[in-house]
PDB file of all heavy atoms in Angstrom:
ATOM      1  N   THR A   1       1.081  10.418   6.254  1.00  0.00           N
ATOM      2  CA  THR A   1       1.487  11.798   5.781  1.00  0.00           C
ATOM      3  C   THR A   1       0.609  12.221   4.675  1.00  0.00           C
ATOM      4  O   THR A   1       0.135  11.375   3.870  1.00  0.00           O
ATOM      5  CB  THR A   1       2.912  11.809   5.354  1.00  0.00           C
ATOM      6  OG1 THR A   1       3.103  10.759   4.359  1.00  0.00           O
ATOM      7  CG2 THR A   1       3.875  11.549   6.507  1.00  0.00           C
ATOM      8  N   ASP A   2       0.432  13.513   4.601  1.00  0.00           N
ATOM      9  CA  ASP A   2      -0.319  14.023   3.438  1.00  0.00           C
ATOM     10  C   ASP A   2       0.674  14.224   2.253  1.00  0.00           C
ATOM     11  O   ASP A   2       1.887  14.277   2.456  1.00  0.00           O
ATOM     12  CB  ASP A   2      -0.910  15.466   3.806  1.00  0.00           C
ATOM     13  CG  ASP A   2      -2.007  15.297   4.765  1.00  0.00           C
ATOM     14  OD1 ASP A   2      -2.537  14.182   4.873  1.00  0.00           O
ATOM     15  OD2 ASP A   2      -2.403  16.306   5.425  1.00  0.00           O
ATOM     16  N   PRO A   3       0.198  14.261   1.002  1.00  0.00           N
ATOM     17  CA  PRO A   3       1.030  14.435  -0.101  1.00  0.00           C
ATOM     18  C   PRO A   3       1.770  15.720  -0.094  1.00  0.00           C
ATOM     19  O   PRO A   3       1.293  16.759   0.448  1.00  0.00           O
ATOM     20  CB  PRO A   3       0.141  14.343  -1.324  1.00  0.00           C
ATOM     21  CG  PRO A   3      -1.268  14.693  -0.762  1.00  0.00           C
ATOM     22  CD  PRO A   3      -1.238  14.147   0.608  1.00  0.00           C
ATOM     23  N   ALA A   4       2.985  15.759  -0.627  1.00  0.00           N
ATOM     24  CA  ALA A   4       3.816  16.974  -0.671  1.00  0.00           C
ATOM     25  C   ALA A   4       3.357  18.025  -1.614  1.00  0.00           C
ATOM     26  O   ALA A   4       3.917  19.139  -1.618  1.00  0.00           O
ATOM     27  CB  ALA A   4       5.268  16.579  -0.990  1.00  0.00           C
ATOM     28  N   ARG A   5       2.392  17.728  -2.449  1.00  0.00           N
ATOM     29  CA  ARG A   5       1.986  18.677  -3.465  1.00  0.00           C
ATOM     30  C   ARG A   5       0.705  19.479  -2.983  1.00  0.00           C
ATOM     31  O   ARG A   5      -0.253  18.922  -2.573  1.00  0.00           O
ATOM     32  CB  ARG A   5       1.645  17.883  -4.748  1.00  0.00           C
ATOM     33  CG  ARG A   5       2.869  17.314  -5.385  1.00  0.00           C
ATOM     34  CD  ARG A   5       2.492  16.598  -6.701  1.00  0.00           C
ATOM     35  NE  ARG A   5       1.879  17.468  -7.700  1.00  0.00           N
ATOM     36  CZ  ARG A   5       1.619  17.100  -8.915  1.00  0.00           C
ATOM     37  NH1 ARG A   5       1.898  15.912  -9.317  1.00  0.00           N
ATOM     38  NH2 ARG A   5       1.086  17.979  -9.715  1.00  0.00           N
ATOM     39  N   GLY A   6       0.769  20.771  -3.285  1.00  0.00           N
ATOM     40  CA  GLY A   6      -0.372  21.630  -3.007  1.00  0.00           C
ATOM     41  C   GLY A   6      -1.242  21.866  -4.156  1.00  0.00           C
ATOM     42  O   GLY A   6      -2.295  22.519  -4.028  1.00  0.00           O
ATOM     43  N   ASP A   7      -0.954  21.285  -5.371  1.00  0.00           N
ATOM     44  CA  ASP A   7      -1.702  21.629  -6.593  1.00  0.00           C
ATOM     45  C   ASP A   7      -2.623  20.471  -6.941  1.00  0.00           C
ATOM     46  O   ASP A   7      -3.109  20.462  -8.092  1.00  0.00           O
ATOM     47  CB  ASP A   7      -0.819  21.937  -7.726  1.00  0.00           C
ATOM     48  CG  ASP A   7       0.116  20.802  -8.148  1.00  0.00           C
ATOM     49  OD1 ASP A   7       0.349  19.934  -7.267  1.00  0.00           O
ATOM     50  OD2 ASP A   7       0.492  20.721  -9.332  1.00  0.00           O
ATOM     51  N   ILE A   8      -2.848  19.549  -6.067  1.00  0.00           N
ATOM     52  CA  ILE A   8      -3.779  18.473  -6.324  1.00  0.00           C
ATOM     53  C   ILE A   8      -4.821  18.358  -5.200  1.00  0.00           C
ATOM     54  O   ILE A   8      -4.558  18.835  -4.115  1.00  0.00           O
ATOM     55  CB  ILE A   8      -3.066  17.048  -6.516  1.00  0.00           C
ATOM     56  CG1 ILE A   8      -2.231  16.781  -5.207  1.00  0.00           C
ATOM     57  CG2 ILE A   8      -2.223  17.037  -7.731  1.00  0.00           C
ATOM     58  CD1 ILE A   8      -1.639  15.380  -5.198  1.00  0.00           C
ATOM     59  N   GLU A   9      -5.961  17.782  -5.613  1.00  0.00           N
ATOM     60  CA  GLU A   9      -7.011  17.503  -4.637  1.00  0.00           C
ATOM     61  C   GLU A   9      -6.783  16.253  -3.989  1.00  0.00           C
ATOM     62  O   GLU A   9      -6.377  15.324  -4.717  1.00  0.00           O
ATOM     63  CB  GLU A   9      -8.322  17.547  -5.446  1.00  0.00           C
ATOM     64  CG  GLU A   9      -9.526  17.365  -4.554  1.00  0.00           C
ATOM     65  CD  GLU A   9     -10.806  17.124  -5.436  1.00  0.00           C
ATOM     66  OE1 GLU A   9     -10.781  17.402  -6.694  1.00  0.00           O
ATOM     67  OE2 GLU A   9     -11.795  16.684  -4.890  1.00  0.00           O
ATOM     68  N   PHE A  10      -6.888  16.143  -2.634  1.00  0.00           N
ATOM     69  CA  PHE A  10      -6.731  14.787  -2.153  1.00  0.00           C
ATOM     70  C   PHE A  10      -7.769  14.441  -1.165  1.00  0.00           C
ATOM     71  O   PHE A  10      -8.284  15.242  -0.382  1.00  0.00           O
ATOM     72  CB  PHE A  10      -5.272  14.502  -1.679  1.00  0.00           C
ATOM     73  CG  PHE A  10      -4.977  15.032  -0.304  1.00  0.00           C
ATOM     74  CD1 PHE A  10      -5.117  14.288   0.864  1.00  0.00           C
ATOM     75  CD2 PHE A  10      -4.490  16.352  -0.187  1.00  0.00           C
ATOM     76  CE1 PHE A  10      -4.784  14.891   2.128  1.00  0.00           C
ATOM     77  CE2 PHE A  10      -4.181  16.932   1.037  1.00  0.00           C
ATOM     78  CZ  PHE A  10      -4.359  16.155   2.178  1.00  0.00           C
ATOM     79  N   LEU A  11      -8.082  13.126  -1.110  1.00  0.00           N
ATOM     80  CA  LEU A  11      -9.097  12.594  -0.286  1.00  0.00           C
ATOM     81  C   LEU A  11      -8.485  11.441   0.479  1.00  0.00           C
ATOM     82  O   LEU A  11      -8.040  10.436  -0.089  1.00  0.00           O
ATOM     83  CB  LEU A  11     -10.281  12.096  -1.111  1.00  0.00           C
ATOM     84  CG  LEU A  11     -11.435  11.414  -0.458  1.00  0.00           C
ATOM     85  CD1 LEU A  11     -12.119  12.327   0.599  1.00  0.00           C
ATOM     86  CD2 LEU A  11     -12.445  10.921  -1.555  1.00  0.00           C
ATOM     87  N   ALA A  12      -8.313  11.577   1.820  1.00  0.00           N
ATOM     88  CA  ALA A  12      -7.719  10.524   2.665  1.00  0.00           C
ATOM     89  C   ALA A  12      -8.807   9.667   3.264  1.00  0.00           C
ATOM     90  O   ALA A  12      -9.642  10.168   4.024  1.00  0.00           O
ATOM     91  CB  ALA A  12      -6.891  11.203   3.761  1.00  0.00           C
ATOM     92  N   VAL A  13      -8.923   8.456   2.807  1.00  0.00           N
ATOM     93  CA  VAL A  13      -9.916   7.525   3.180  1.00  0.00           C
ATOM     94  C   VAL A  13      -9.354   6.388   4.092  1.00  0.00           C
ATOM     95  O   VAL A  13      -8.429   5.709   3.630  1.00  0.00           O
ATOM     96  CB  VAL A  13     -10.604   6.824   2.005  1.00  0.00           C
ATOM     97  CG1 VAL A  13     -11.873   6.047   2.375  1.00  0.00           C
ATOM     98  CG2 VAL A  13     -10.923   7.862   0.909  1.00  0.00           C
ATOM     99  N   PRO A  14      -9.869   6.256   5.274  1.00  0.00           N
ATOM    100  CA  PRO A  14      -9.335   5.134   6.107  1.00  0.00           C
ATOM    101  C   PRO A  14      -9.923   3.756   5.653  1.00  0.00           C
ATOM    102  O   PRO A  14     -10.739   3.164   6.372  1.00  0.00           O
ATOM    103  CB  PRO A  14      -9.803   5.493   7.547  1.00  0.00           C
ATOM    104  CG  PRO A  14     -11.073   6.304   7.338  1.00  0.00           C
ATOM    105  CD  PRO A  14     -10.927   6.949   6.006  1.00  0.00           C
ATOM    106  N   ALA A  15      -9.459   3.336   4.487  1.00  0.00           N
ATOM    107  CA  ALA A  15     -10.077   2.261   3.772  1.00  0.00           C
ATOM    108  C   ALA A  15     -10.076   0.974   4.621  1.00  0.00           C
ATOM    109  O   ALA A  15     -11.114   0.257   4.713  1.00  0.00           O
ATOM    110  CB  ALA A  15      -9.427   2.063   2.424  1.00  0.00           C
ATOM    111  N   ASP A  16      -8.977   0.552   5.170  1.00  0.00           N
ATOM    112  CA  ASP A  16      -8.856  -0.670   5.972  1.00  0.00           C
ATOM    113  C   ASP A  16      -9.790  -0.579   7.197  1.00  0.00           C
ATOM    114  O   ASP A  16     -10.416  -1.559   7.523  1.00  0.00           O
ATOM    115  CB  ASP A  16      -7.449  -0.931   6.399  1.00  0.00           C
ATOM    116  CG  ASP A  16      -6.520  -1.263   5.221  1.00  0.00           C
ATOM    117  OD1 ASP A  16      -5.985  -0.347   4.647  1.00  0.00           O
ATOM    118  OD2 ASP A  16      -6.425  -2.447   4.921  1.00  0.00           O
ATOM    119  N   ASP A  17      -9.778   0.566   7.861  1.00  0.00           N
ATOM    120  CA  ASP A  17     -10.562   0.710   9.096  1.00  0.00           C
ATOM    121  C   ASP A  17     -12.107   0.585   8.719  1.00  0.00           C
ATOM    122  O   ASP A  17     -12.802  -0.048   9.505  1.00  0.00           O
ATOM    123  CB  ASP A  17     -10.277   2.069   9.733  1.00  0.00           C
ATOM    124  CG  ASP A  17      -8.831   2.260  10.016  1.00  0.00           C
ATOM    125  OD1 ASP A  17      -8.184   1.229  10.449  1.00  0.00           O
ATOM    126  OD2 ASP A  17      -8.277   3.354   9.894  1.00  0.00           O
ATOM    127  N   LEU A  18     -12.480   1.233   7.681  1.00  0.00           N
ATOM    128  CA  LEU A  18     -13.901   1.217   7.278  1.00  0.00           C
ATOM    129  C   LEU A  18     -14.314  -0.167   6.847  1.00  0.00           C
ATOM    130  O   LEU A  18     -15.383  -0.733   7.174  1.00  0.00           O
ATOM    131  CB  LEU A  18     -14.216   2.154   6.173  1.00  0.00           C
ATOM    132  CG  LEU A  18     -14.191   3.713   6.485  1.00  0.00           C
ATOM    133  CD1 LEU A  18     -14.272   4.542   5.240  1.00  0.00           C
ATOM    134  CD2 LEU A  18     -15.275   3.995   7.509  1.00  0.00           C
ATOM    135  N   ALA A  19     -13.390  -0.914   6.167  1.00  0.00           N
ATOM    136  CA  ALA A  19     -13.698  -2.287   5.780  1.00  0.00           C
ATOM    137  C   ALA A  19     -13.746  -3.175   6.950  1.00  0.00           C
ATOM    138  O   ALA A  19     -14.678  -4.061   7.082  1.00  0.00           O
ATOM    139  CB  ALA A  19     -12.598  -2.852   4.832  1.00  0.00           C
ATOM    140  N   LEU A  20     -12.957  -3.016   7.941  1.00  0.00           N
ATOM    141  CA  LEU A  20     -12.936  -3.807   9.199  1.00  0.00           C
ATOM    142  C   LEU A  20     -14.269  -3.567  10.013  1.00  0.00           C
ATOM    143  O   LEU A  20     -14.865  -4.522  10.467  1.00  0.00           O
ATOM    144  CB  LEU A  20     -11.731  -3.346  10.064  1.00  0.00           C
ATOM    145  CG  LEU A  20     -11.161  -4.337  10.978  1.00  0.00           C
ATOM    146  CD1 LEU A  20     -10.760  -5.642  10.230  1.00  0.00           C
ATOM    147  CD2 LEU A  20      -9.936  -3.783  11.667  1.00  0.00           C
ATOM    148  N   GLU A  21     -14.691  -2.297   9.987  1.00  0.00           N
ATOM    149  CA  GLU A  21     -15.956  -1.957  10.666  1.00  0.00           C
ATOM    150  C   GLU A  21     -17.141  -2.710   9.995  1.00  0.00           C
ATOM    151  O   GLU A  21     -18.038  -3.057  10.698  1.00  0.00           O
ATOM    152  CB  GLU A  21     -16.211  -0.460  10.547  1.00  0.00           C
ATOM    153  CG  GLU A  21     -15.597   0.397  11.644  1.00  0.00           C
ATOM    154  CD  GLU A  21     -15.751   1.883  11.369  1.00  0.00           C
ATOM    155  OE1 GLU A  21     -16.783   2.327  10.856  1.00  0.00           O
ATOM    156  OE2 GLU A  21     -14.797   2.645  11.716  1.00  0.00           O
ATOM    157  N   LEU A  22     -17.038  -2.888   8.726  1.00  0.00           N
ATOM    158  CA  LEU A  22     -18.108  -3.640   8.020  1.00  0.00           C
ATOM    159  C   LEU A  22     -18.004  -5.135   8.202  1.00  0.00           C
ATOM    160  O   LEU A  22     -18.815  -5.878   7.714  1.00  0.00           O
ATOM    161  CB  LEU A  22     -18.082  -3.338   6.516  1.00  0.00           C
ATOM    162  CG  LEU A  22     -18.373  -1.887   5.997  1.00  0.00           C
ATOM    163  CD1 LEU A  22     -17.957  -1.686   4.596  1.00  0.00           C
ATOM    164  CD2 LEU A  22     -19.826  -1.540   6.256  1.00  0.00           C
ATOM    165  N   GLY A  23     -16.905  -5.569   8.876  1.00  0.00           N
ATOM    166  CA  GLY A  23     -16.603  -7.002   9.057  1.00  0.00           C
ATOM    167  C   GLY A  23     -16.169  -7.673   7.799  1.00  0.00           C
ATOM    168  O   GLY A  23     -16.224  -8.832   7.588  1.00  0.00           O
ATOM    169  N   SER A  24     -15.519  -6.844   6.919  1.00  0.00           N
ATOM    170  CA  SER A  24     -15.039  -7.383   5.642  1.00  0.00           C
ATOM    171  C   SER A  24     -13.668  -6.801   5.307  1.00  0.00           C
ATOM    172  O   SER A  24     -13.494  -5.977   4.338  1.00  0.00           O
ATOM    173  CB  SER A  24     -16.097  -7.011   4.561  1.00  0.00           C
ATOM    174  OG  SER A  24     -15.668  -7.350   3.273  1.00  0.00           O
ATOM    175  N   PRO A  25     -12.642  -7.184   6.121  1.00  0.00           N
ATOM    176  CA  PRO A  25     -11.313  -6.576   5.963  1.00  0.00           C
ATOM    177  C   PRO A  25     -10.732  -6.606   4.633  1.00  0.00           C
ATOM    178  O   PRO A  25      -9.962  -5.683   4.232  1.00  0.00           O
ATOM    179  CB  PRO A  25     -10.473  -7.325   6.958  1.00  0.00           C
ATOM    180  CG  PRO A  25     -11.241  -8.542   7.382  1.00  0.00           C
ATOM    181  CD  PRO A  25     -12.634  -8.200   7.119  1.00  0.00           C
ATOM    182  N   LYS A  26     -11.096  -7.546   3.763  1.00  0.00           N
ATOM    183  CA  LYS A  26     -10.504  -7.710   2.445  1.00  0.00           C
ATOM    184  C   LYS A  26     -11.112  -6.676   1.470  1.00  0.00           C
ATOM    185  O   LYS A  26     -10.579  -6.524   0.419  1.00  0.00           O
ATOM    186  CB  LYS A  26     -10.657  -9.095   1.903  1.00  0.00           C
ATOM    187  CG  LYS A  26      -9.668 -10.113   2.425  1.00  0.00           C
ATOM    188  CD  LYS A  26      -9.762 -11.379   1.594  1.00  0.00           C
ATOM    189  CE  LYS A  26      -8.380 -12.136   1.556  1.00  0.00           C
ATOM    190  NZ  LYS A  26      -8.016 -12.678   2.886  1.00  0.00           N
ATOM    191  N   SER A  27     -12.142  -5.986   1.871  1.00  0.00           N
ATOM    192  CA  SER A  27     -12.764  -5.052   0.924  1.00  0.00           C
ATOM    193  C   SER A  27     -12.381  -3.671   1.023  1.00  0.00           C
ATOM    194  O   SER A  27     -13.112  -2.732   0.552  1.00  0.00           O
ATOM    195  CB  SER A  27     -14.326  -5.247   0.969  1.00  0.00           C
ATOM    196  OG  SER A  27     -14.819  -4.915   2.249  1.00  0.00           O
ATOM    197  N   ALA A  28     -11.232  -3.371   1.586  1.00  0.00           N
ATOM    198  CA  ALA A  28     -10.671  -1.990   1.668  1.00  0.00           C
ATOM    199  C   ALA A  28     -10.543  -1.406   0.275  1.00  0.00           C
ATOM    200  O   ALA A  28     -10.686  -0.170   0.090  1.00  0.00           O
ATOM    201  CB  ALA A  28      -9.326  -1.951   2.358  1.00  0.00           C
ATOM    202  N   ASN A  29     -10.156  -2.260  -0.706  1.00  0.00           N
ATOM    203  CA  ASN A  29     -10.115  -1.766  -2.115  1.00  0.00           C
ATOM    204  C   ASN A  29     -11.374  -1.200  -2.579  1.00  0.00           C
ATOM    205  O   ASN A  29     -11.467  -0.124  -3.243  1.00  0.00           O
ATOM    206  CB  ASN A  29      -9.620  -2.928  -2.990  1.00  0.00           C
ATOM    207  CG  ASN A  29     -10.528  -4.171  -3.011  1.00  0.00           C
ATOM    208  OD1 ASN A  29     -11.318  -4.379  -2.046  1.00  0.00           O
ATOM    209  ND2 ASN A  29     -10.416  -5.007  -4.059  1.00  0.00           N
ATOM    210  N   MET A  30     -12.511  -1.875  -2.230  1.00  0.00           N
ATOM    211  CA  MET A  30     -13.857  -1.370  -2.676  1.00  0.00           C
ATOM    212  C   MET A  30     -14.211  -0.066  -1.977  1.00  0.00           C
ATOM    213  O   MET A  30     -14.849   0.775  -2.569  1.00  0.00           O
ATOM    214  CB  MET A  30     -14.932  -2.442  -2.416  1.00  0.00           C
ATOM    215  CG  MET A  30     -14.768  -3.787  -3.070  1.00  0.00           C
ATOM    216  SD  MET A  30     -15.026  -3.587  -4.889  1.00  0.00           S
ATOM    217  CE  MET A  30     -14.254  -5.131  -5.498  1.00  0.00           C
ATOM    218  N   VAL A  31     -13.796   0.025  -0.713  1.00  0.00           N
ATOM    219  CA  VAL A  31     -13.967   1.317   0.030  1.00  0.00           C
ATOM    220  C   VAL A  31     -13.345   2.439  -0.727  1.00  0.00           C
ATOM    221  O   VAL A  31     -13.996   3.504  -1.021  1.00  0.00           O
ATOM    222  CB  VAL A  31     -13.521   1.244   1.444  1.00  0.00           C
ATOM    223  CG1 VAL A  31     -13.596   2.586   2.149  1.00  0.00           C
ATOM    224  CG2 VAL A  31     -14.288   0.217   2.249  1.00  0.00           C
ATOM    225  N   ALA A  32     -12.038   2.200  -1.193  1.00  0.00           N
ATOM    226  CA  ALA A  32     -11.311   3.283  -1.869  1.00  0.00           C
ATOM    227  C   ALA A  32     -11.982   3.639  -3.207  1.00  0.00           C
ATOM    228  O   ALA A  32     -12.082   4.806  -3.601  1.00  0.00           O
ATOM    229  CB  ALA A  32      -9.848   2.838  -2.061  1.00  0.00           C
ATOM    230  N   LEU A  33     -12.425   2.553  -3.945  1.00  0.00           N
ATOM    231  CA  LEU A  33     -13.067   2.749  -5.209  1.00  0.00           C
ATOM    232  C   LEU A  33     -14.364   3.599  -5.069  1.00  0.00           C
ATOM    233  O   LEU A  33     -14.715   4.487  -5.756  1.00  0.00           O
ATOM    234  CB  LEU A  33     -13.329   1.494  -5.890  1.00  0.00           C
ATOM    235  CG  LEU A  33     -13.985   1.654  -7.345  1.00  0.00           C
ATOM    236  CD1 LEU A  33     -13.075   2.429  -8.277  1.00  0.00           C
ATOM    237  CD2 LEU A  33     -14.372   0.229  -7.901  1.00  0.00           C
ATOM    238  N   GLY A  34     -15.108   3.222  -4.016  1.00  0.00           N
ATOM    239  CA  GLY A  34     -16.404   3.919  -3.735  1.00  0.00           C
ATOM    240  C   GLY A  34     -16.213   5.381  -3.474  1.00  0.00           C
ATOM    241  O   GLY A  34     -16.973   6.269  -3.963  1.00  0.00           O
ATOM    242  N   ALA A  35     -15.138   5.696  -2.755  1.00  0.00           N
ATOM    243  CA  ALA A  35     -14.824   7.124  -2.428  1.00  0.00           C
ATOM    244  C   ALA A  35     -14.424   7.858  -3.735  1.00  0.00           C
ATOM    245  O   ALA A  35     -14.908   8.987  -3.918  1.00  0.00           O
ATOM    246  CB  ALA A  35     -13.604   7.106  -1.435  1.00  0.00           C
ATOM    247  N   TYR A  36     -13.639   7.174  -4.501  1.00  0.00           N
ATOM    248  CA  TYR A  36     -13.287   7.782  -5.860  1.00  0.00           C
ATOM    249  C   TYR A  36     -14.534   8.044  -6.647  1.00  0.00           C
ATOM    250  O   TYR A  36     -14.731   9.156  -7.197  1.00  0.00           O
ATOM    251  CB  TYR A  36     -12.355   6.814  -6.643  1.00  0.00           C
ATOM    252  CG  TYR A  36     -12.314   7.116  -8.142  1.00  0.00           C
ATOM    253  CD1 TYR A  36     -11.590   8.220  -8.608  1.00  0.00           C
ATOM    254  CD2 TYR A  36     -13.139   6.369  -9.019  1.00  0.00           C
ATOM    255  CE1 TYR A  36     -11.588   8.523  -9.960  1.00  0.00           C
ATOM    256  CE2 TYR A  36     -13.103   6.702 -10.378  1.00  0.00           C
ATOM    257  CZ  TYR A  36     -12.359   7.726 -10.803  1.00  0.00           C
ATOM    258  OH  TYR A  36     -12.349   8.084 -12.158  1.00  0.00           O
ATOM    259  N   LEU A  37     -15.452   7.084  -6.773  1.00  0.00           N
ATOM    260  CA  LEU A  37     -16.657   7.249  -7.580  1.00  0.00           C
ATOM    261  C   LEU A  37     -17.536   8.386  -7.078  1.00  0.00           C
ATOM    262  O   LEU A  37     -18.087   9.183  -7.893  1.00  0.00           O
ATOM    263  CB  LEU A  37     -17.470   5.947  -7.568  1.00  0.00           C
ATOM    264  CG  LEU A  37     -16.811   4.746  -8.239  1.00  0.00           C
ATOM    265  CD1 LEU A  37     -17.551   3.424  -7.836  1.00  0.00           C
ATOM    266  CD2 LEU A  37     -16.854   4.916  -9.699  1.00  0.00           C
ATOM    267  N   ALA A  38     -17.608   8.559  -5.773  1.00  0.00           N
ATOM    268  CA  ALA A  38     -18.496   9.653  -5.258  1.00  0.00           C
ATOM    269  C   ALA A  38     -17.826  10.955  -5.491  1.00  0.00           C
ATOM    270  O   ALA A  38     -18.537  11.976  -5.749  1.00  0.00           O
ATOM    271  CB  ALA A  38     -18.666   9.386  -3.768  1.00  0.00           C
TER     272      ALA A  38
END
């Protein structure tokens, strides 16, 4: 679900899926951090 608030910016990142695609399922955390940094 999307957040209930309309006054914030949100970025929905399929972190586990992207990590799995990289062959590194444990690095979903890094995917999320990378998205934040960008």
